[in-house]
Amino acid sequence: MAVTDEAIEKIKGMIVSGALRPGDRLPKESELAAELGLSRNSLREAVRALSLIRILDVRQGDGTYVTSLDPQLLLEAMNFVVDFHRDDTVLEFLAVRRILEPAATALACARISDATLDALDSQLDALGREPSVEELVDCDLDFHRGIVQASGNSVLCSLLDGLSGPTTRARVWRGLTQEDAVGRTLREHRAIVAALRDRDAEAARSWATVHIASVEQWLRSTL
């Protein structure tokens, strides 16, 4: 592994230094191995590892390329790891969401368009007053994703997309067991949209905090 780690560091160094840029094709394996002073086997292992985390793109019959290095692409690796969370870490995921999502919601306040706000309202209207828990949770994911995307920060979008998965089951569980959880969620969603329409960043941040903290508080008292 030490030899493979060295190969990974050398390829990383070429990308960081600008010798290899997004979209560039890597030299032939034999040439690159000689240039970096590596064995072809260790280079091959390094390329395989870097392709798994979306740094490199191996195209059969064409060659190996540096990816776009777009944050959303790179953070897919984090999403993969997040899928292996344990139930006892859900509170930690919720705590991180409580830090990041209100900040993203406040950022969105100045950027979100009236058309997006209308779409969020229509989404809530379509649910009606008594949606099923599953319908509400599906809408909840789309609702928050739409707001976070309006923040204009692609890193925040990717991080929060990855963090939303582990908390889905907790939200379904809460909806099935806590009295008026569905109604409370709908009211909080409406309050967030209203704050965004008013371009009141602090109110939007506060309502987003309350919204996530209520799930966290319920789960903490239940476990």
Protein backbone atom coordinates (compact mmCIF):
# COMPACT_ATOMS: atom_id res chain seq x y z
CA MET A 1 0.00 0.00 0.00
CA ALA A 2 2.89 2.39 0.69
CA VAL A 3 3.98 2.16 -2.95
CA THR A 4 0.43 2.78 -4.17
CA ASP A 5 0.09 5.73 -1.77
CA GLU A 6 3.27 7.21 -3.24
CA ALA A 7 1.85 6.81 -6.75
CA ILE A 8 -1.41 8.50 -5.69
CA GLU A 9 0.52 11.41 -4.18
CA LYS A 10 2.56 11.89 -7.34
CA ILE A 11 -0.50 11.97 -9.59
CA LYS A 12 -2.21 14.30 -7.12
CA GLY A 13 0.86 16.53 -7.24
CA MET A 14 0.63 16.77 -11.03
CA ILE A 15 -3.03 17.84 -10.77
CA VAL A 16 -2.48 20.33 -7.94
CA SER A 17 0.51 21.89 -9.71
CA GLY A 18 -1.44 22.29 -12.94
CA ALA A 19 0.69 19.85 -14.92
CA LEU A 20 -2.56 17.94 -15.40
CA ARG A 21 -5.77 19.98 -15.69
CA PRO A 22 -9.46 19.03 -15.67
CA GLY A 23 -10.24 17.18 -18.88
CA ASP A 24 -6.58 16.36 -19.66
CA ARG A 25 -5.65 12.91 -20.83
CA LEU A 26 -2.90 11.20 -18.86
CA PRO A 27 0.22 10.10 -20.77
CA LYS A 28 0.47 6.45 -21.71
CA GLU A 29 0.95 4.15 -18.74
CA SER A 30 4.53 3.26 -19.64
CA GLU A 31 5.50 6.90 -20.19
CA LEU A 32 3.86 8.16 -17.00
CA ALA A 33 5.34 5.36 -14.90
CA ALA A 34 8.82 6.21 -16.18
CA GLU A 35 8.28 9.95 -15.66
CA LEU A 36 7.17 9.46 -12.06
CA GLY A 37 9.67 6.71 -11.25
CA LEU A 38 6.94 4.18 -10.50
CA SER A 39 6.26 0.62 -11.45
CA ARG A 40 3.41 0.16 -13.91
CA ASN A 41 1.60 -2.00 -11.37
CA SER A 42 1.66 0.67 -8.63
CA LEU A 43 0.60 3.30 -11.17
CA ARG A 44 -2.29 1.09 -12.25
CA GLU A 45 -3.43 0.67 -8.63
CA ALA A 46 -3.21 4.42 -8.06
CA VAL A 47 -5.29 5.13 -11.16
CA ARG A 48 -7.89 2.62 -10.01
CA ALA A 49 -8.10 4.26 -6.56
CA LEU A 50 -8.34 7.78 -7.98
CA SER A 51 -11.06 6.72 -10.40
CA LEU A 52 -13.16 5.44 -7.49
CA ILE A 53 -13.17 8.89 -5.91
CA ARG A 54 -13.91 10.61 -9.23
CA ILE A 55 -10.49 12.24 -9.69
CA LEU A 56 -9.74 10.19 -12.79
CA ASP A 57 -12.00 8.75 -15.46
CA VAL A 58 -10.80 5.52 -17.08
CA ARG A 59 -12.29 5.12 -20.55
CA GLN A 60 -11.77 1.69 -22.00
CA GLY A 61 -10.02 1.83 -25.36
CA ASP A 62 -9.50 5.59 -25.09
CA GLY A 63 -7.30 6.35 -22.10
CA THR A 64 -7.45 7.90 -18.66
CA TYR A 65 -8.57 11.48 -18.13
CA VAL A 66 -8.70 13.94 -15.27
CA THR A 67 -12.38 14.54 -14.50
CA SER A 68 -13.97 17.98 -14.32
CA LEU A 69 -13.08 18.01 -10.59
CA ASP A 70 -16.47 19.57 -10.01
CA PRO A 71 -17.29 19.59 -6.26
CA GLN A 72 -20.55 17.73 -6.79
CA LEU A 73 -18.72 14.97 -8.64
CA LEU A 74 -15.96 14.68 -6.04
CA LEU A 75 -18.42 14.62 -3.15
CA GLU A 76 -20.15 11.57 -4.60
CA ALA A 77 -17.47 9.59 -2.82
CA MET A 78 -18.65 11.04 0.49
CA ASN A 79 -22.22 10.08 -0.34
CA PHE A 80 -21.07 6.49 -0.85
CA VAL A 81 -19.43 6.44 2.59
CA VAL A 82 -22.46 8.05 4.22
CA ASP A 83 -24.61 5.14 3.04
CA PHE A 84 -22.75 2.94 5.55
CA HIS A 85 -23.81 5.01 8.57
CA ARG A 86 -24.97 3.25 11.72
CA ASP A 87 -28.29 4.05 13.36
CA ASP A 88 -26.52 5.49 16.39
CA THR A 89 -24.87 8.18 14.23
CA VAL A 90 -28.11 9.64 12.84
CA LEU A 91 -28.13 12.30 15.56
CA GLU A 92 -24.67 13.37 14.44
CA PHE A 93 -25.85 13.70 10.84
CA LEU A 94 -28.82 15.77 12.02
CA ALA A 95 -26.49 18.00 14.07
CA VAL A 96 -24.38 18.69 10.97
CA ARG A 97 -27.51 19.43 8.93
CA ARG A 98 -28.62 21.84 11.66
CA ILE A 99 -25.36 23.76 11.20
CA LEU A 100 -25.22 23.78 7.39
CA GLU A 101 -28.80 23.91 6.15
CA PRO A 102 -29.88 27.11 7.95
CA ALA A 103 -26.76 28.81 6.56
CA ALA A 104 -27.65 27.64 3.05
CA THR A 105 -31.24 28.81 3.52
CA ALA A 106 -30.06 32.26 4.62
CA LEU A 107 -27.76 32.44 1.58
CA ALA A 108 -30.66 31.51 -0.69
CA CYS A 109 -32.69 34.44 0.60
CA ALA A 110 -31.00 36.97 -1.65
CA ARG A 111 -30.78 34.67 -4.67
CA ILE A 112 -33.93 32.58 -4.84
CA SER A 113 -36.24 33.58 -7.67
CA ASP A 114 -39.97 34.23 -7.41
CA ALA A 115 -40.49 31.35 -9.85
CA THR A 116 -38.69 28.96 -7.51
CA LEU A 117 -40.70 30.23 -4.55
CA ASP A 118 -43.91 29.72 -6.54
CA ALA A 119 -42.78 26.17 -7.34
CA LEU A 120 -42.15 25.49 -3.63
CA ASP A 121 -45.63 26.78 -2.76
CA SER A 122 -47.18 24.65 -5.51
CA GLN A 123 -45.31 21.63 -4.18
CA LEU A 124 -46.81 22.18 -0.73
CA ASP A 125 -50.28 22.86 -2.17
CA ALA A 126 -50.14 19.58 -4.11
CA LEU A 127 -49.58 17.66 -0.86
CA GLY A 128 -52.86 18.87 0.60
CA ARG A 129 -53.56 19.04 4.31
CA GLU A 130 -53.13 15.35 5.14
CA PRO A 131 -50.45 13.75 2.97
CA SER A 132 -49.05 10.37 3.86
CA VAL A 133 -45.78 10.33 5.76
CA GLU A 134 -43.96 8.89 2.74
CA GLU A 135 -45.35 11.62 0.44
CA LEU A 136 -44.31 14.29 2.92
CA VAL A 137 -40.76 12.95 3.32
CA ASP A 138 -40.31 12.73 -0.47
CA CYS A 139 -41.51 16.32 -0.76
CA ASP A 140 -39.28 17.34 2.14
CA LEU A 141 -36.17 16.16 0.29
CA ASP A 142 -37.13 18.05 -2.89
CA PHE A 143 -38.23 21.10 -0.91
CA HIS A 144 -34.91 21.55 0.87
CA ARG A 145 -32.88 20.64 -2.22
CA GLY A 146 -34.62 23.42 -4.17
CA ILE A 147 -33.78 25.98 -1.50
CA VAL A 148 -30.17 24.88 -1.07
CA GLN A 149 -29.60 24.95 -4.84
CA ALA A 150 -30.77 28.56 -4.81
CA SER A 151 -27.89 29.38 -2.44
CA GLY A 152 -25.57 29.12 -5.44
CA ASN A 153 -23.03 27.08 -3.48
CA SER A 154 -22.47 23.73 -5.20
CA VAL A 155 -20.36 22.38 -2.32
CA LEU A 156 -23.15 23.02 0.18
CA CYS A 157 -25.63 21.38 -2.19
CA SER A 158 -23.54 18.24 -2.47
CA LEU A 159 -22.81 18.03 1.25
CA LEU A 160 -26.45 18.43 2.22
CA ASP A 161 -27.62 15.98 -0.44
CA GLY A 162 -25.27 13.43 1.10
CA LEU A 163 -26.42 14.20 4.63
CA SER A 164 -30.14 13.98 3.88
CA GLY A 165 -30.13 10.23 3.20
CA PRO A 166 -29.26 8.98 6.70
CA THR A 167 -31.98 11.14 8.27
CA THR A 168 -34.79 9.98 5.98
CA ARG A 169 -35.73 6.95 8.07
CA ALA A 170 -35.78 9.07 11.24
CA ARG A 171 -38.19 11.50 9.58
CA VAL A 172 -40.49 8.69 8.47
CA TRP A 173 -40.38 7.18 11.96
CA ARG A 174 -41.23 10.54 13.53
CA GLY A 175 -44.12 11.07 11.10
CA LEU A 176 -45.61 7.71 12.02
CA THR A 177 -45.24 8.03 15.79
CA GLN A 178 -45.31 11.69 16.85
CA GLU A 179 -48.67 13.42 17.11
CA ASP A 180 -49.15 16.21 14.52
CA ALA A 181 -45.64 15.68 13.07
CA VAL A 182 -47.01 15.97 9.53
CA GLY A 183 -48.94 19.16 10.25
CA ARG A 184 -46.00 20.69 12.08
CA THR A 185 -43.66 19.95 9.18
CA LEU A 186 -46.04 21.57 6.69
CA ARG A 187 -46.37 24.68 8.87
CA GLU A 188 -42.59 24.96 9.18
CA HIS A 189 -42.19 24.61 5.41
CA ARG A 190 -44.71 27.40 4.86
CA ALA A 191 -42.88 29.61 7.37
CA ILE A 192 -39.56 29.05 5.59
CA VAL A 193 -41.06 30.00 2.22
CA ALA A 194 -42.72 33.09 3.73
CA ALA A 195 -39.39 34.24 5.20
CA LEU A 196 -37.70 33.71 1.84
CA ARG A 197 -40.40 35.74 0.08
CA ASP A 198 -39.84 38.54 2.58
CA ARG A 199 -36.08 38.32 1.86
CA ASP A 200 -35.59 38.01 5.61
CA ALA A 201 -32.41 35.96 5.87
CA GLU A 202 -32.41 35.73 9.67
CA ALA A 203 -36.02 34.58 9.82
CA ALA A 204 -35.33 32.00 7.10
CA ARG A 205 -32.26 30.80 9.00
CA SER A 206 -34.24 30.58 12.24
CA TRP A 207 -37.13 28.63 10.73
CA ALA A 208 -34.74 26.20 9.03
CA THR A 209 -32.98 25.68 12.38
CA VAL A 210 -36.29 25.07 14.17
CA HIS A 211 -37.35 22.65 11.43
CA ILE A 212 -34.27 20.44 11.70
CA ALA A 213 -33.88 20.81 15.47
CA SER A 214 -37.42 19.55 16.03
CA VAL A 215 -36.57 16.22 14.36
CA GLU A 216 -33.29 16.06 16.26
CA GLN A 217 -34.97 16.82 19.59
CA TRP A 218 -37.66 14.20 18.99
CA LEU A 219 -35.13 11.55 18.04
CA ARG A 220 -32.94 12.33 21.04
CA SER A 221 -35.91 11.87 23.40
CA THR A 222 -36.91 8.63 21.66
CA LEU A 223 -33.57 6.82 21.60
